[in-house]
Amino acid sequence: MKTHLITTISIMLAAIMPGQHAGAASSNWQDLGGGEARLIAKLDPETNEVEGAVEVRLQPGWSTYWRNPGSSGIPPTFDFSRSQGFFPGEVEFPAPTLLEYESGDYAGYKQQVLFPFEGTMAPGTPGTIQLDLLIGVCSEICIPAKAELNIRSGQLLQSDPVASQKIQLAKLRIPEHREPEETVLEVRQSGEGSLQITMAHKASHGKPQLFVEGPDEWYLQPAKLLRQSENEAFFELDVSRAPDGTDVLSEKLRYTLVTGHQGIETVR
């Protein structure tokens, strides 16, 4: 009975003191041709810190790119420069998946993707979170799509529990950062123009995918899974498009190992 009473009082206090809790809001959806996008944001009124996400819903048969789109893709671009009173941090990318097409394979997303971000609102004055989004949407061909999305600071005083849940989901799908010795067990030359990469990975977790990023001009494709053992996964990475004369083993590479919606990221 005592526990029930405490819970009831907590709910009543939350209802009568909304200023003590973060508000959340979302923009209208905007059409992208092969899908739609909107902006979601949550404001902590005590710290003026903002958590948000860019939500993209894609139609069946359509996809979009990860931050590394290969040689001809369109990486998503997030421009908050027209915001008023909002100071953005970096937009993060959730773990991608391997998309296979006759025209070539690439890392990207289907159905729904949430790109989380953080920032700060200037206190005491009205402001606007304004996002100019450029994103490639692909079916048989890929097209650049633009959207102008905004949320006014006054809207963030509202309560939108669905928006809050979407922001938390977006954060859960960001790859976890690990030390290289925990994940990248070996990288060695494997014939001309390729590397063999051994990653720590338990077979019981499922089939892994590996995405490797180097300098922009390398144009790396997703690595190919060769085989798995109980605690390791072996990949081959095509580095034949690296500039002539490059010592690929001496370059720092970023490795993103993905299983399902979860990822691990490291730089080595």
Protein backbone atom coordinates (compact mmCIF):
# COMPACT_ATOMS: atom_id res chain seq x y z
CA MET A 1 0.00 0.00 0.00
CA LYS A 2 2.85 2.40 0.91
CA THR A 3 4.63 1.73 -2.41
CA HIS A 4 1.40 2.32 -4.33
CA LEU A 5 0.89 5.65 -2.53
CA ILE A 6 4.44 6.85 -3.35
CA THR A 7 3.97 5.94 -7.01
CA THR A 8 0.64 7.80 -7.16
CA ILE A 9 2.16 10.92 -5.61
CA SER A 10 5.09 10.83 -8.09
CA ILE A 11 2.67 10.70 -11.03
CA MET A 12 0.66 13.62 -9.63
CA LEU A 13 3.79 15.73 -9.13
CA ALA A 14 4.92 15.02 -12.69
CA ALA A 15 1.54 16.22 -13.96
CA ILE A 16 1.48 19.49 -12.03
CA MET A 17 5.16 20.45 -12.51
CA PRO A 18 5.83 19.96 -16.24
CA GLY A 19 8.60 22.59 -16.21
CA GLN A 20 10.83 20.21 -14.26
CA HIS A 21 10.84 17.59 -17.00
CA ALA A 22 12.21 17.49 -20.52
CA GLY A 23 9.76 18.31 -23.27
CA ALA A 24 9.89 16.79 -26.74
CA ALA A 25 8.46 17.63 -30.14
CA SER A 26 8.70 16.67 -33.80
CA SER A 27 8.48 18.55 -37.10
CA ASN A 28 6.13 17.76 -39.94
CA TRP A 29 7.12 14.99 -42.34
CA GLN A 30 8.63 16.10 -45.65
CA ASP A 31 8.64 14.05 -48.84
CA LEU A 32 11.96 12.73 -50.19
CA GLY A 33 10.69 11.05 -53.33
CA GLY A 34 11.35 7.49 -52.12
CA GLY A 35 10.47 8.20 -48.52
CA GLU A 36 10.00 10.99 -45.98
CA ALA A 37 11.92 12.69 -43.19
CA ARG A 38 11.23 14.62 -40.01
CA LEU A 39 13.14 16.21 -37.13
CA ILE A 40 12.69 15.11 -33.50
CA ALA A 41 14.11 16.98 -30.49
CA LYS A 42 13.96 16.94 -26.70
CA LEU A 43 14.95 19.85 -24.41
CA ASP A 44 16.11 19.66 -20.79
CA PRO A 45 14.82 22.98 -19.35
CA GLU A 46 17.32 22.92 -16.47
CA THR A 47 20.47 22.56 -18.58
CA ASN A 48 19.15 23.78 -22.00
CA GLU A 49 20.69 20.66 -23.52
CA VAL A 50 18.99 19.18 -26.57
CA GLU A 51 18.87 15.58 -27.69
CA GLY A 52 17.37 14.83 -31.07
CA ALA A 53 17.19 12.62 -34.10
CA VAL A 54 16.59 12.90 -37.81
CA GLU A 55 14.07 10.20 -38.71
CA VAL A 56 13.94 8.88 -42.28
CA ARG A 57 11.21 6.45 -43.39
CA LEU A 58 11.84 4.78 -46.74
CA GLN A 59 9.28 3.20 -49.02
CA PRO A 60 9.56 -0.53 -49.86
CA GLY A 61 12.37 -1.10 -52.34
CA TRP A 62 14.14 2.15 -51.45
CA SER A 63 17.35 2.67 -49.48
CA THR A 64 19.80 5.37 -48.46
CA TYR A 65 23.52 5.61 -47.78
CA TRP A 66 25.72 5.40 -44.70
CA ARG A 67 28.34 8.11 -44.05
CA ASN A 68 30.76 6.27 -46.39
CA PRO A 69 28.83 5.88 -49.67
CA GLY A 70 31.58 4.37 -51.80
CA SER A 71 32.78 5.91 -55.04
CA SER A 72 29.48 7.23 -56.39
CA GLY A 73 26.98 7.47 -53.51
CA ILE A 74 25.51 10.48 -51.73
CA PRO A 75 26.31 10.60 -48.01
CA PRO A 76 23.66 12.27 -45.81
CA THR A 77 24.51 15.90 -45.05
CA PHE A 78 23.05 17.67 -42.00
CA ASP A 79 23.28 21.48 -42.01
CA PHE A 80 22.03 23.31 -38.88
CA SER A 81 23.61 26.66 -39.83
CA ARG A 82 20.27 28.43 -40.29
CA SER A 83 19.18 27.63 -36.72
CA GLN A 84 18.53 30.48 -34.32
CA GLY A 85 19.69 30.11 -30.74
CA PHE A 86 20.62 26.46 -31.27
CA PHE A 87 24.23 25.27 -31.13
CA PRO A 88 24.49 21.76 -32.64
CA GLY A 89 26.91 18.98 -31.93
CA GLU A 90 27.81 16.19 -34.32
CA VAL A 91 25.16 14.03 -35.99
CA GLU A 92 25.92 10.34 -35.47
CA PHE A 93 25.33 7.38 -37.78
CA PRO A 94 23.70 4.15 -36.61
CA ALA A 95 25.14 0.78 -37.56
CA PRO A 96 24.57 0.23 -41.31
CA THR A 97 23.80 -2.95 -43.19
CA LEU A 98 25.21 -4.41 -46.40
CA LEU A 99 22.97 -3.61 -49.37
CA GLU A 100 23.62 -5.78 -52.43
CA TYR A 101 22.66 -4.68 -55.94
CA GLU A 102 23.66 -5.59 -59.49
CA SER A 103 25.27 -2.17 -59.83
CA GLY A 104 27.40 -2.75 -56.71
CA ASP A 105 27.26 -3.26 -52.97
CA TYR A 106 27.27 -0.47 -50.40
CA ALA A 107 26.61 0.26 -46.75
CA GLY A 108 23.29 1.87 -46.01
CA TYR A 109 19.79 1.59 -44.61
CA LYS A 110 16.33 0.38 -45.59
CA GLN A 111 12.86 0.98 -44.12
CA GLN A 112 13.65 3.34 -41.22
CA VAL A 113 16.80 5.03 -39.96
CA LEU A 114 17.36 7.43 -37.06
CA PHE A 115 20.38 9.75 -36.96
CA PRO A 116 20.85 11.07 -33.38
CA PHE A 117 22.38 14.44 -32.51
CA GLU A 118 22.92 16.69 -29.50
CA GLY A 119 23.19 20.42 -28.96
CA THR A 120 22.32 23.37 -26.74
CA MET A 121 19.57 26.01 -26.86
CA ALA A 122 20.41 29.56 -25.84
CA PRO A 123 18.44 30.30 -22.64
CA GLY A 124 15.88 33.05 -22.27
CA THR A 125 15.17 33.85 -25.92
CA PRO A 126 13.00 32.18 -28.58
CA GLY A 127 14.95 30.01 -30.98
CA THR A 128 14.58 27.49 -33.79
CA ILE A 129 16.28 24.22 -34.62
CA GLN A 130 16.54 24.42 -38.40
CA LEU A 131 17.93 21.51 -40.41
CA ASP A 132 18.69 21.52 -44.12
CA LEU A 133 18.97 17.86 -45.05
CA LEU A 134 20.55 16.45 -48.21
CA ILE A 135 20.24 12.69 -48.59
CA GLY A 136 20.43 10.18 -51.42
CA VAL A 137 17.44 7.87 -51.87
CA CYS A 138 17.87 4.85 -54.12
CA SER A 139 15.71 2.38 -55.98
CA GLU A 140 16.78 1.46 -59.52
CA ILE A 141 18.62 4.79 -59.56
CA CYS A 142 19.76 7.11 -56.78
CA ILE A 143 18.47 10.66 -56.52
CA PRO A 144 19.54 13.52 -54.22
CA ALA A 145 16.66 14.64 -52.01
CA LYS A 146 16.43 17.80 -49.90
CA ALA A 147 14.27 18.66 -46.91
CA GLU A 148 13.96 21.74 -44.70
CA LEU A 149 12.96 20.68 -41.20
CA ASN A 150 12.45 22.86 -38.15
CA ILE A 151 11.22 22.88 -34.56
CA ARG A 152 10.64 26.11 -32.63
CA SER A 153 11.90 26.31 -29.07
CA GLY A 154 8.33 26.87 -27.83
CA GLN A 155 7.32 23.49 -29.25
CA LEU A 156 9.92 21.84 -27.01
CA LEU A 157 7.82 22.76 -23.97
CA GLN A 158 5.28 20.20 -25.15
CA SER A 159 5.35 16.54 -24.19
CA ASP A 160 5.67 14.00 -26.99
CA PRO A 161 6.44 10.58 -25.48
CA VAL A 162 6.75 8.94 -28.90
CA ALA A 163 9.45 11.46 -29.89
CA SER A 164 11.33 10.76 -26.67
CA GLN A 165 11.22 7.02 -27.32
CA LYS A 166 12.52 7.50 -30.88
CA ILE A 167 15.49 9.51 -29.58
CA GLN A 168 16.39 6.76 -27.11
CA LEU A 169 16.11 4.13 -29.85
CA ALA A 170 18.39 6.20 -32.10
CA LYS A 171 21.08 6.32 -29.40
CA LEU A 172 20.90 2.56 -28.81
CA ARG A 173 21.80 1.86 -32.45
CA ILE A 174 25.03 3.87 -32.45
CA PRO A 175 28.07 1.56 -32.64
CA GLU A 176 29.94 1.12 -29.37
CA HIS A 177 33.52 2.41 -29.37
CA ARG A 178 36.13 -0.21 -28.43
CA GLU A 179 39.91 -0.31 -28.15
CA PRO A 180 41.52 -1.82 -31.27
CA GLU A 181 43.20 -4.68 -29.40
CA GLU A 182 39.76 -5.86 -28.29
CA THR A 183 38.32 -6.17 -31.79
CA VAL A 184 40.88 -6.10 -34.63
CA LEU A 185 43.05 -9.16 -34.08
CA GLU A 186 45.09 -9.09 -37.29
CA VAL A 187 45.40 -7.15 -40.53
CA ARG A 188 47.74 -8.51 -43.20
CA GLN A 189 48.37 -8.28 -46.92
CA SER A 190 46.52 -11.01 -48.80
CA GLY A 191 47.61 -10.85 -52.40
CA GLU A 192 47.89 -7.73 -54.50
CA GLY A 193 45.25 -5.13 -53.72
CA SER A 194 43.58 -6.87 -50.77
CA LEU A 195 43.82 -7.24 -47.01
CA GLN A 196 42.76 -10.12 -44.80
CA ILE A 197 41.25 -8.90 -41.54
CA THR A 198 40.60 -11.04 -38.47
CA MET A 199 38.00 -9.62 -36.08
CA ALA A 200 37.02 -10.83 -32.62
CA HIS A 201 33.43 -12.02 -32.92
CA LYS A 202 31.45 -14.82 -31.29
CA ALA A 203 29.68 -17.03 -33.83
CA SER A 204 26.73 -17.33 -31.44
CA HIS A 205 26.00 -13.62 -31.97
CA GLY A 206 25.12 -14.18 -35.64
CA LYS A 207 26.57 -13.36 -39.03
CA PRO A 208 28.76 -10.24 -38.91
CA GLN A 209 29.32 -7.53 -41.51
CA LEU A 210 32.43 -5.37 -41.64
CA PHE A 211 32.72 -1.82 -43.02
CA VAL A 212 36.18 -0.25 -43.22
CA GLU A 213 36.89 3.44 -43.80
CA GLY A 214 40.17 4.97 -44.87
CA PRO A 215 41.05 8.32 -46.46
CA ASP A 216 38.28 9.77 -48.66
CA GLU A 217 40.01 8.92 -51.93
CA TRP A 218 40.23 5.20 -51.14
CA TYR A 219 36.59 4.38 -52.07
CA LEU A 220 36.46 1.17 -50.05
CA GLN A 221 33.66 -1.31 -50.60
CA PRO A 222 32.23 -3.38 -47.70
CA ALA A 223 34.54 -6.22 -46.68
CA LYS A 224 33.70 -9.77 -47.75
CA LEU A 225 33.11 -12.37 -45.03
CA LEU A 226 35.31 -15.40 -45.75
CA ARG A 227 34.52 -17.64 -42.78
CA GLN A 228 33.79 -17.73 -39.06
CA SER A 229 35.15 -19.71 -36.14
CA GLU A 230 33.77 -19.83 -32.62
CA ASN A 231 35.41 -16.54 -31.57
CA GLU A 232 36.70 -14.98 -34.79
CA ALA A 233 35.48 -13.72 -38.15
CA PHE A 234 37.73 -13.51 -41.21
CA PHE A 235 37.20 -10.87 -43.91
CA GLU A 236 38.80 -9.84 -47.16
CA LEU A 237 38.95 -6.15 -48.01
CA ASP A 238 39.58 -4.87 -51.53
CA VAL A 239 42.05 -1.97 -51.36
CA SER A 240 42.96 -1.96 -55.06
CA ARG A 241 41.47 1.52 -55.49
CA ALA A 242 43.81 3.10 -52.95
CA PRO A 243 46.14 5.66 -54.58
CA ASP A 244 49.26 4.20 -56.21
CA GLY A 245 52.21 3.95 -53.88
CA THR A 246 50.08 3.88 -50.70
CA ASP A 247 51.36 1.69 -47.86
CA VAL A 248 47.92 0.45 -46.85
CA LEU A 249 49.18 -1.35 -43.74
CA SER A 250 50.58 1.88 -42.29
CA GLU A 251 47.36 3.87 -42.71
CA LYS A 252 44.88 4.28 -39.86
CA LEU A 253 41.55 2.69 -40.73
CA ARG A 254 38.17 2.83 -38.98
CA TYR A 255 36.48 -0.55 -38.57
CA THR A 256 32.74 -0.94 -37.94
CA LEU A 257 31.67 -4.51 -37.17
CA VAL A 258 27.90 -4.96 -37.31
CA THR A 259 25.61 -7.78 -36.22
CA GLY A 260 21.92 -7.06 -36.67
CA HIS A 261 21.27 -3.50 -35.45
CA GLN A 262 24.28 -3.47 -33.11
CA GLY A 263 27.78 -2.33 -34.02
CA ILE A 264 31.29 -2.02 -32.61
CA GLU A 265 33.64 0.67 -33.92
CA THR A 266 37.38 1.05 -33.56
CA VAL A 267 40.31 2.85 -35.19
CA ARG A 268 43.57 1.01 -35.82
